[in-house]
Structure formats: C-alpha cells, structure tokens
C-alpha atoms as a PDB file:
ATOM      1  CA  MET A   1     122.238 106.094  59.721  1.00  0.00           C
ATOM      2  CA  ARG A   2     122.922 108.730  62.514  1.00  0.00           C
ATOM      3  CA  SER A   3     118.948 108.088  63.566  1.00  0.00           C
ATOM      4  CA  LEU A   4     119.900 105.026  63.786  1.00  0.00           C
ATOM      5  CA  ILE A   5     122.608 105.545  66.149  1.00  0.00           C
ATOM      6  CA  LEU A   6     120.693 107.992  68.297  1.00  0.00           C
ATOM      7  CA  TRP A   7     118.336 105.570  69.143  1.00  0.00           C
ATOM      8  CA  THR A   8     121.020 102.924  70.114  1.00  0.00           C
ATOM      9  CA  LEU A   9     122.867 105.460  72.045  1.00  0.00           C
ATOM     10  CA  LEU A  10     119.163 105.867  73.533  1.00  0.00           C
ATOM     11  CA  LEU A  11     118.536 102.240  73.911  1.00  0.00           C
ATOM     12  CA  PHE A  12     122.005 101.796  75.540  1.00  0.00           C
ATOM     13  CA  SER A  13     121.113 105.206  78.109  1.00  0.00           C
ATOM     14  CA  THR A  14     117.773 104.315  79.055  1.00  0.00           C
ATOM     15  CA  ALA A  15     119.435 100.847  80.153  1.00  0.00           C
ATOM     16  CA  ALA A  16     121.553 102.288  81.861  1.00  0.00           C
ATOM     17  CA  LEU A  17     119.624 103.828  83.985  1.00  0.00           C
ATOM     18  CA  ALA A  18     117.789 100.678  85.089  1.00  0.00           C
ATOM     19  CA  ALA A  19     118.474  99.488  88.115  1.00  0.00           C
ATOM     20  CA  GLU A  20     118.022  96.323  90.413  1.00  0.00           C
ATOM     21  CA  THR A  21     115.574  97.192  93.005  1.00  0.00           C
ATOM     22  CA  ARG A  22     114.481  94.349  95.942  1.00  0.00           C
ATOM     23  CA  LEU A  23     111.363  93.771  97.652  1.00  0.00           C
ATOM     24  CA  VAL A  24     110.675  91.394 100.009  1.00  0.00           C
ATOM     25  CA  VAL A  25     106.829  91.025 100.794  1.00  0.00           C
ATOM     26  CA  ARG A  26     105.637  89.285 104.006  1.00  0.00           C
ATOM     27  CA  ALA A  27     101.916  87.813 105.303  1.00  0.00           C
ATOM     28  CA  ARG A  28     101.194  87.485 108.459  1.00  0.00           C
ATOM     29  CA  ALA A  29      98.318  86.132 110.133  1.00  0.00           C
ATOM     30  CA  ARG A  30      95.875  88.962 112.468  1.00  0.00           C
ATOM     31  CA  ASP A  31      97.029  88.137 116.251  1.00  0.00           C
ATOM     32  CA  GLY A  32      99.818  85.363 115.198  1.00  0.00           C
ATOM     33  CA  LYS A  33     102.495  84.486 113.092  1.00  0.00           C
ATOM     34  CA  PHE A  34     103.700  84.906 109.147  1.00  0.00           C
ATOM     35  CA  VAL A  35     101.973  83.014 106.657  1.00  0.00           C
ATOM     36  CA  GLY A  36     104.864  80.019 104.952  1.00  0.00           C
ATOM     37  CA  THR A  37     105.279  76.632 103.468  1.00  0.00           C
ATOM     38  CA  SER A  38     103.224  74.079 106.000  1.00  0.00           C
ATOM     39  CA  MET A  39      99.433  76.423 105.098  1.00  0.00           C
ATOM     40  CA  GLY A  40     100.703  76.563 101.631  1.00  0.00           C
ATOM     41  CA  GLY A  41     102.033  80.239 101.620  1.00  0.00           C
ATOM     42  CA  VAL A  42     100.334  83.270 100.090  1.00  0.00           C
ATOM     43  CA  ARG A  43     100.395  84.289  96.180  1.00  0.00           C
ATOM     44  CA  VAL A  44     101.592  87.672  95.518  1.00  0.00           C
ATOM     45  CA  VAL A  45     101.376  90.148  93.145  1.00  0.00           C
ATOM     46  CA  LEU A  46     102.767  93.186  91.988  1.00  0.00           C
ATOM     47  CA  ARG A  47     101.145  95.596  90.071  1.00  0.00           C
ATOM     48  CA  ASP A  48     102.180  98.760  88.007  1.00  0.00           C
ATOM     49  CA  ALA A  49      99.831 101.451  90.328  1.00  0.00           C
ATOM     50  CA  GLN A  50      98.730 103.520  86.553  1.00  0.00           C
ATOM     51  CA  SER A  51      98.491 101.014  84.158  1.00  0.00           C
ATOM     52  CA  GLY A  52      97.862  97.090  85.771  1.00  0.00           C
ATOM     53  CA  GLN A  53     100.232  95.421  84.370  1.00  0.00           C
ATOM     54  CA  VAL A  54     102.089  92.631  86.482  1.00  0.00           C
ATOM     55  CA  LEU A  55     105.483  93.774  87.548  1.00  0.00           C
ATOM     56  CA  ALA A  56     106.138  90.252  89.599  1.00  0.00           C
ATOM     57  CA  SER A  57     104.653  87.158  91.362  1.00  0.00           C
ATOM     58  CA  GLY A  58     105.358  84.629  93.065  1.00  0.00           C
ATOM     59  CA  ILE A  59     104.108  82.003  96.458  1.00  0.00           C
ATOM     60  CA  THR A  60     105.307  83.051 100.140  1.00  0.00           C
ATOM     61  CA  SER A  61     107.921  79.544 101.548  1.00  0.00           C
ATOM     62  CA  GLY A  62     109.677  79.715 104.443  1.00  0.00           C
ATOM     63  CA  SER A  63     108.573  78.790 108.248  1.00  0.00           C
ATOM     64  CA  THR A  64     105.463  80.737 110.450  1.00  0.00           C
ATOM     65  CA  GLY A  65     108.865  82.401 112.311  1.00  0.00           C
ATOM     66  CA  ASN A  66     109.579  82.827 115.633  1.00  0.00           C
ATOM     67  CA  THR A  67     107.401  82.814 118.712  1.00  0.00           C
ATOM     68  CA  GLN A  68     108.958  84.479 121.141  1.00  0.00           C
ATOM     69  CA  THR A  69     109.523  87.611 118.776  1.00  0.00           C
ATOM     70  CA  LEU A  70     105.903  87.665 117.390  1.00  0.00           C
ATOM     71  CA  MET A  71     103.950  86.630 120.554  1.00  0.00           C
ATOM     72  CA  LYS A  72     105.319  87.393 123.966  1.00  0.00           C
ATOM     73  CA  GLN A  73     108.083  89.501 124.203  1.00  0.00           C
ATOM     74  CA  PRO A  74     107.314  93.106 123.608  1.00  0.00           C
ATOM     75  CA  GLN A  75     108.355  94.274 119.870  1.00  0.00           C
ATOM     76  CA  ALA A  76     110.198  97.682 119.858  1.00  0.00           C
ATOM     77  CA  ARG A  77     110.155 100.270 117.197  1.00  0.00           C
ATOM     78  CA  GLY A  78     112.532  99.564 114.401  1.00  0.00           C
ATOM     79  CA  ALA A  79     113.471  95.659 115.789  1.00  0.00           C
ATOM     80  CA  SER A  80     112.821  92.785 113.454  1.00  0.00           C
ATOM     81  CA  LEU A  81     110.352  90.856 113.011  1.00  0.00           C
ATOM     82  CA  ALA A  82     111.310  88.268 110.766  1.00  0.00           C
ATOM     83  CA  ASP A  83     114.377  85.875 110.978  1.00  0.00           C
ATOM     84  CA  GLU A  84     116.187  84.510 108.094  1.00  0.00           C
ATOM     85  CA  SER A  85     113.784  80.805 107.738  1.00  0.00           C
ATOM     86  CA  SER A  86     110.504  83.706 108.426  1.00  0.00           C
ATOM     87  CA  ALA A  87     108.098  83.375 105.130  1.00  0.00           C
ATOM     88  CA  LYS A  88     108.621  85.792 102.223  1.00  0.00           C
ATOM     89  CA  PHE A  89     108.301  86.644  98.371  1.00  0.00           C
ATOM     90  CA  THR A  90     111.764  88.270  97.283  1.00  0.00           C
ATOM     91  CA  ALA A  91     110.739  90.404  93.756  1.00  0.00           C
ATOM     92  CA  THR A  92     113.738  91.860  91.857  1.00  0.00           C
ATOM     93  CA  LEU A  93     112.667  94.672  89.616  1.00  0.00           C
ATOM     94  CA  ASP A  94     114.527  96.608  87.336  1.00  0.00           C
ATOM     95  CA  ILE A  95     113.148 100.437  86.676  1.00  0.00           C
ATOM     96  CA  THR A  96     114.868 103.616  85.954  1.00  0.00           C
ATOM     97  CA  GLU A  97     112.077 105.676  87.753  1.00  0.00           C
ATOM     98  CA  PRO A  98     110.279 106.138  90.662  1.00  0.00           C
ATOM     99  CA  GLN A  99     107.252 103.500  90.770  1.00  0.00           C
ATOM    100  CA  LEU A 100     103.917 102.797  92.315  1.00  0.00           C
ATOM    101  CA  VAL A 101     103.297  99.572  93.080  1.00  0.00           C
ATOM    102  CA  THR A 102      99.994  97.966  94.366  1.00  0.00           C
ATOM    103  CA  VAL A 103     101.145  94.645  95.713  1.00  0.00           C
ATOM    104  CA  GLU A 104      98.319  92.422  96.715  1.00  0.00           C
ATOM    105  CA  VAL A 105      98.858  88.438  98.610  1.00  0.00           C
ATOM    106  CA  SER A 106      96.086  86.077  98.672  1.00  0.00           C
ATOM    107  CA  GLY A 107      96.279  82.568 100.767  1.00  0.00           C
ATOM    108  CA  PRO A 108      96.844  80.455 102.685  1.00  0.00           C
ATOM    109  CA  LEU A 109      96.898  78.841  99.684  1.00  0.00           C
ATOM    110  CA  ALA A 110      96.110  75.240 101.252  1.00  0.00           C
ATOM    111  CA  GLN A 111      92.944  75.905 102.641  1.00  0.00           C
ATOM    112  CA  ARG A 112      90.890  77.886 100.252  1.00  0.00           C
ATOM    113  CA  GLN A 113      88.074  77.933 101.915  1.00  0.00           C
ATOM    114  CA  ALA A 114      89.849  80.595 104.214  1.00  0.00           C
ATOM    115  CA  LEU A 115      91.697  82.169 101.618  1.00  0.00           C
ATOM    116  CA  ALA A 116      91.667  86.281 102.088  1.00  0.00           C
ATOM    117  CA  THR A 117      93.069  89.028 100.292  1.00  0.00           C
ATOM    118  CA  SER A 118      95.317  92.058 101.373  1.00  0.00           C
ATOM    119  CA  THR A 119      96.149  95.455  99.019  1.00  0.00           C
ATOM    120  CA  THR A 120      98.635  97.749 100.036  1.00  0.00           C
ATOM    121  CA  GLN A 121     100.983 100.926  97.428  1.00  0.00           C
ATOM    122  CA  LEU A 122     103.710 101.939  97.884  1.00  0.00           C
ATOM    123  CA  TRP A 123     106.796 103.706  95.850  1.00  0.00           C
ATOM    124  CA  LEU A 124     109.890 101.867  95.014  1.00  0.00           C
ATOM    125  CA  LEU A 125     112.972 104.482  94.220  1.00  0.00           C
ATOM    126  CA  PRO A 126     115.315 102.990  91.345  1.00  0.00           C
ATOM    127  CA  GLY A 127     118.421 100.447  94.067  1.00  0.00           C
ATOM    128  CA  LYS A 128     116.711 101.967  96.702  1.00  0.00           C
ATOM    129  CA  HIS A 129     115.837  98.008  97.859  1.00  0.00           C
ATOM    130  CA  LEU A 130     113.170  97.063 100.773  1.00  0.00           C
ATOM    131  CA  GLU A 131     114.607  93.641 102.312  1.00  0.00           C
ATOM    132  CA  GLY A 132     114.898  92.402 106.054  1.00  0.00           C
ATOM    133  CA  ASP A 133     111.007  92.476 107.163  1.00  0.00           C
ATOM    134  CA  GLY A 134     110.251  94.167 104.044  1.00  0.00           C
ATOM    135  CA  LEU A 135     106.306  94.713 103.311  1.00  0.00           C
ATOM    136  CA  ILE A 136     103.797  92.988 105.948  1.00  0.00           C
ATOM    137  CA  LEU A 137     100.685  92.606 104.965  1.00  0.00           C
ATOM    138  CA  GLU A 138      98.113  91.191 107.314  1.00  0.00           C
ATOM    139  CA  LEU A 139      95.590  88.022 106.855  1.00  0.00           C
ATOM    140  CA  PRO A 140      92.588  88.297 109.250  1.00  0.00           C
ATOM    141  CA  GLY A 141      90.371  85.211 109.721  1.00  0.00           C
ATOM    142  CA  PHE A 142      90.965  82.178 111.097  1.00  0.00           C
ATOM    143  CA  VAL A 143      90.665  78.904 108.770  1.00  0.00           C
ATOM    144  CA  VAL A 144      87.703  76.129 109.839  1.00  0.00           C
ATOM    145  CA  ASP A 145      87.616  73.243 108.307  1.00  0.00           C
ATOM    146  CA  VAL A 146      85.347  70.853 108.614  1.00  0.00           C
ATOM    147  CA  LEU A 147      86.004  67.106 109.219  1.00  0.00           C
ATOM    148  CA  ALA A 148      82.483  65.266 110.370  1.00  0.00           C
ATOM    149  CA  PRO A 149      80.444  64.859 108.586  1.00  0.00           C
ATOM    150  CA  SER A 150      82.256  65.185 105.207  1.00  0.00           C
ATOM    151  CA  ALA A 151      80.573  65.893 102.485  1.00  0.00           C
ATOM    152  CA  HIS A 152      77.381  64.601 101.037  1.00  0.00           C
ATOM    153  CA  GLU A 153      77.273  61.714 103.093  1.00  0.00           C
ATOM    154  CA  PHE A 154      74.624  59.627 103.855  1.00  0.00           C
ATOM    155  CA  PHE A 155      72.940  58.250 107.244  1.00  0.00           C
ATOM    156  CA  LYS A 156      70.128  55.823 107.344  1.00  0.00           C
ATOM    157  CA  LEU A 157      67.475  56.721 109.520  1.00  0.00           C
ATOM    158  CA  ALA A 158      65.588  53.438 111.148  1.00  0.00           C
ATOM    159  CA  GLY A 159      62.076  54.181 111.028  1.00  0.00           C
ATOM    160  CA  ASP A 160      60.580  56.911 113.661  1.00  0.00           C
ATOM    161  CA  ARG A 161      63.823  57.081 115.671  1.00  0.00           C
ATOM    162  CA  LYS A 162      66.092  59.869 116.602  1.00  0.00           C
ATOM    163  CA  LEU A 163      69.808  60.089 114.587  1.00  0.00           C
ATOM    164  CA  THR A 164      72.514  61.675 115.757  1.00  0.00           C
ATOM    165  CA  ILE A 165      74.805  63.418 114.135  1.00  0.00           C
ATOM    166  CA  PRO A 166      78.672  64.026 115.508  1.00  0.00           C
ATOM    167  CA  LEU A 167      80.596  67.003 114.275  1.00  0.00           C
ATOM    168  CA  ARG A 168      83.821  67.877 114.580  1.00  0.00           C
ATOM    169  CA  ALA A 169      85.631  70.789 113.033  1.00  0.00           C
ATOM    170  CA  ASN A 170      89.583  72.455 113.214  1.00  0.00           C
ATOM    171  CA  LEU A 171      90.128  75.825 113.684  1.00  0.00           C
ATOM    172  CA  ILE A 172      93.332  77.712 113.674  1.00  0.00           C
ATOM    173  CA  LEU A 173      94.805  80.779 112.564  1.00  0.00           C
ATOM    174  CA  MET A 174      95.591  81.613 109.142  1.00  0.00           C
ATOM    175  CA  CYS A 175      99.140  80.925 109.711  1.00  0.00           C
ATOM    176  CA  GLY A 176      98.822  77.581 111.431  1.00  0.00           C
ATOM    177  CA  CYS A 177      98.884  78.559 114.961  1.00  0.00           C
ATOM    178  CA  PRO A 178      96.786  76.236 117.028  1.00  0.00           C
ATOM    179  CA  THR A 179      94.190  76.817 119.427  1.00  0.00           C
ATOM    180  CA  GLU A 180      92.835  75.347 122.272  1.00  0.00           C
ATOM    181  CA  PRO A 181      91.881  76.445 125.965  1.00  0.00           C
ATOM    182  CA  LYS A 182      94.333  78.266 128.094  1.00  0.00           C
ATOM    183  CA  GLY A 183      96.633  78.559 125.133  1.00  0.00           C
ATOM    184  CA  LEU A 184      98.700  80.483 123.416  1.00  0.00           C
ATOM    185  CA  TRP A 185      95.850  81.135 120.747  1.00  0.00           C
ATOM    186  CA  ASP A 186      93.280  80.621 123.757  1.00  0.00           C
ATOM    187  CA  SER A 187      89.990  79.203 122.648  1.00  0.00           C
ATOM    188  CA  ASN A 188      87.643  79.864 125.742  1.00  0.00           C
ATOM    189  CA  ARG A 189      87.605  83.470 124.046  1.00  0.00           C
ATOM    190  CA  TYR A 190      86.037  82.099 120.829  1.00  0.00           C
ATOM    191  CA  THR A 191      83.056  81.573 120.013  1.00  0.00           C
ATOM    192  CA  LEU A 192      82.173  78.584 117.877  1.00  0.00           C
ATOM    193  CA  GLN A 193      78.433  77.869 116.165  1.00  0.00           C
ATOM    194  CA  ALA A 194      77.091  75.180 114.144  1.00  0.00           C
ATOM    195  CA  THR A 195      73.949  77.085 112.211  1.00  0.00           C
ATOM    196  CA  VAL A 196      72.327  73.926 110.045  1.00  0.00           C
ATOM    197  CA  LYS A 197      69.455  74.278 107.486  1.00  0.00           C
ATOM    198  CA  HIS A 198      66.947  70.926 106.037  1.00  0.00           C
ATOM    199  CA  ASN A 199      65.910  70.742 102.667  1.00  0.00           C
ATOM    200  CA  GLY A 200      67.601  75.020 102.625  1.00  0.00           C
ATOM    201  CA  LYS A 201      64.646  76.079 105.822  1.00  0.00           C
ATOM    202  CA  PRO A 202      66.842  77.201 108.514  1.00  0.00           C
ATOM    203  CA  LEU A 203      66.455  74.803 111.278  1.00  0.00           C
ATOM    204  CA  THR A 204      68.171  74.981 114.497  1.00  0.00           C
ATOM    205  CA  GLN A 205      71.663  75.800 115.972  1.00  0.00           C
ATOM    206  CA  PHE A 206      74.487  75.433 119.023  1.00  0.00           C
ATOM    207  CA  PRO A 207      77.513  75.449 119.796  1.00  0.00           C
ATOM    208  CA  LEU A 208      80.816  73.289 119.222  1.00  0.00           C
ATOM    209  CA  LYS A 209      82.940  72.571 122.528  1.00  0.00           C
ATOM    210  CA  TYR A 210      86.736  71.966 122.605  1.00  0.00           C
ATOM    211  CA  ALA A 211      87.511  68.471 121.519  1.00  0.00           C
ATOM    212  CA  GLY A 212      90.591  67.226 124.077  1.00  0.00           C
ATOM    213  CA  LYS A 213      92.715  67.761 120.792  1.00  0.00           C
ATOM    214  CA  THR A 214      94.382  70.465 119.706  1.00  0.00           C
ATOM    215  CA  SER A 215      92.124  72.389 117.148  1.00  0.00           C
ATOM    216  CA  THR A 216      88.727  70.567 117.231  1.00  0.00           C
ATOM    217  CA  PHE A 217      86.031  71.043 118.431  1.00  0.00           C
ATOM    218  CA  GLU A 218      83.103  69.375 118.625  1.00  0.00           C
ATOM    219  CA  GLY A 219      78.418  68.838 119.097  1.00  0.00           C
ATOM    220  CA  ALA A 220      75.997  66.926 118.067  1.00  0.00           C
ATOM    221  CA  LEU A 221      72.502  67.058 115.825  1.00  0.00           C
ATOM    222  CA  SER A 222      69.702  64.843 116.676  1.00  0.00           C
ATOM    223  CA  VAL A 223      68.195  64.538 113.799  1.00  0.00           C
ATOM    224  CA  GLN A 224      64.734  62.372 112.743  1.00  0.00           C
ATOM    225  CA  GLN A 225      63.800  63.768 109.508  1.00  0.00           C
ATOM    226  CA  ARG A 226      64.621  63.126 105.985  1.00  0.00           C
ATOM    227  CA  GLY A 227      66.434  65.330 103.574  1.00  0.00           C
ATOM    228  CA  ALA A 228      69.831  67.643 102.303  1.00  0.00           C
ATOM    229  CA  TYR A 229      71.081  68.792 105.689  1.00  0.00           C
ATOM    230  CA  GLU A 230      73.516  71.813 105.219  1.00  0.00           C
ATOM    231  CA  VAL A 231      75.676  72.582 108.207  1.00  0.00           C
ATOM    232  CA  THR A 232      78.058  76.080 108.358  1.00  0.00           C
ATOM    233  CA  VAL A 233      80.067  75.920 111.425  1.00  0.00           C
ATOM    234  CA  THR A 234      81.474  79.570 112.174  1.00  0.00           C
ATOM    235  CA  ALA A 235      83.977  80.850 114.330  1.00  0.00           C
ATOM    236  CA  PHE A 236      84.831  84.651 115.907  1.00  0.00           C
ATOM    237  CA  ASP A 237      87.359  86.665 118.377  1.00  0.00           C
ATOM    238  CA  PRO A 238      85.908  89.299 119.829  1.00  0.00           C
ATOM    239  CA  VAL A 239      88.916  90.897 120.681  1.00  0.00           C
ATOM    240  CA  THR A 240      90.399  90.750 117.248  1.00  0.00           C
ATOM    241  CA  GLY A 241      88.163  90.769 115.066  1.00  0.00           C
ATOM    242  CA  ASN A 242      89.255  87.129 113.566  1.00  0.00           C
ATOM    243  CA  ALA A 243      86.042  85.284 112.039  1.00  0.00           C
ATOM    244  CA  GLY A 244      86.350  81.872 109.869  1.00  0.00           C
ATOM    245  CA  VAL A 245      83.697  79.836 108.070  1.00  0.00           C
ATOM    246  CA  ASP A 246      83.894  76.137 106.534  1.00  0.00           C
ATOM    247  CA  SER A 247      80.223  74.396 105.416  1.00  0.00           C
ATOM    248  CA  THR A 248      78.808  70.501 104.615  1.00  0.00           C
ATOM    249  CA  THR A 249      76.555  69.143 103.154  1.00  0.00           C
ATOM    250  CA  PHE A 250      74.913  65.470 104.467  1.00  0.00           C
ATOM    251  CA  VAL A 251      71.894  63.178 103.349  1.00  0.00           C
ATOM    252  CA  VAL A 252      69.528  61.478 105.739  1.00  0.00           C
ATOM    253  CA  GLU A 253      67.294  58.849 104.215  1.00  0.00           C
END
C-alpha cells in the first residue's frame, strides 16, 4: 500500500513539473516571403533529437506576409518580420526538462515537384515560449511547372515536314511570389532552359523567353522525327542560387 502511495505521489509530482511550451514555426522562401496557404503550406514535424520520437506535426497556414516588411524596407535587428496573418504552425508541448528538438519543414505541398526540406535543431526549455516570429526555416529554390506540352501528349507528323511544338512553363518562388522582367523578382537575371531528349538520347537545348504574362515563359521546338520526347525545364538565379526543375513528355506519331 505504501509503495502504491509513493508511486501515485511520484506521478502527480512529475505531472506538476510539466510545463506547457509553445513553439511557432514558419518557412520562408529564399529571396521571398512566407510559404502559406496559397501554396498548400509546408509540413512541420518536431522530433525528440535523441529518440526520434515525433512530438508534434502540422501544416503551416496563413498569408505570405507583408511585402514591404519582408522585401523592401531595411530589416533592423530585433524587428518583427511576421504579422498576425503570416503563415505559421504552432506546436504546444508539455515538457518537464530541457529538450533538444529537431524541427523539419517540407513544402510547398501544393507543388510536389518543387518540394524541399529544411531541418534544424534547438533547445526547448519548460514554459519558455518561442512565439512572435518564432523559428523561421528557409526553403531555397524555384517552383517550375511545365504547362505545355501536357504530359504524354500526342502530335501527328505529316510526311517529312517539320512539326513545331510550343513549350510553356510557369516560374514562381517557393512562396508563390511572381516573376517577370524588371519586377520585384526580376526574371531578367534568371536562366531558363529547356533540355530535350529523343528516345532517351540528348537532342537539343534552348532558352525560354518571357511570354508577356506574369510568371510565364515560352519557347518552341522543331521536330521531324517520330518517337518519344522528354523535356526538362530548369531555372537558375546566379545571385541567390535558387534553382528549380520540372519535366514533361510527349509523343510524335
């Protein structure tokens, strides 16, 4: 009986020592804004750094944040980057002692071909909340989305005449921020290129040019051989190192 009482007291003592501890996690595109609901958010997973046990998980939601604050005005030390609507995930843990936590963010979830993962670790102390801007992890890269030709599209070749295949692709940052010449995200400094294979063998490469519509770029491929074609579109920013890739295939009969 005495041991049961001691065990019960120990349980109540441990529970009493546990403190609610909140951690706000955000993901920000490199050279861009927060990754929020408009891009499907990012998945956030918190794990115990020693055991690997999942402590909390969820998806960021909210807006991409204030463009003026994030991209235009000088950022003073200690000044907030996020506002109330900026995308975030809030994890609430009950911990009894300092805990080393691994934090992983993966996204954007609405554009799986561009999904990237960023990971860091930090100590959480019982009852010591990390809120406000919270923990901001960076996601480098571009979201490239080939619009045309559509996947496995068929084209008919008439005799020995050449066939012109239009190619169009969409290019945005991981936050969904738009690109265009002389825009806030200036595509003039980016390199967009299409690499083409025919029946698995390298065929040609050519640049894509701005199509006159925000975030849209285009080119044309002349073919005169039947078979299966694979097109890979790449984008690169030499200033930030952001890069993105997407592919499509088509068939010429």
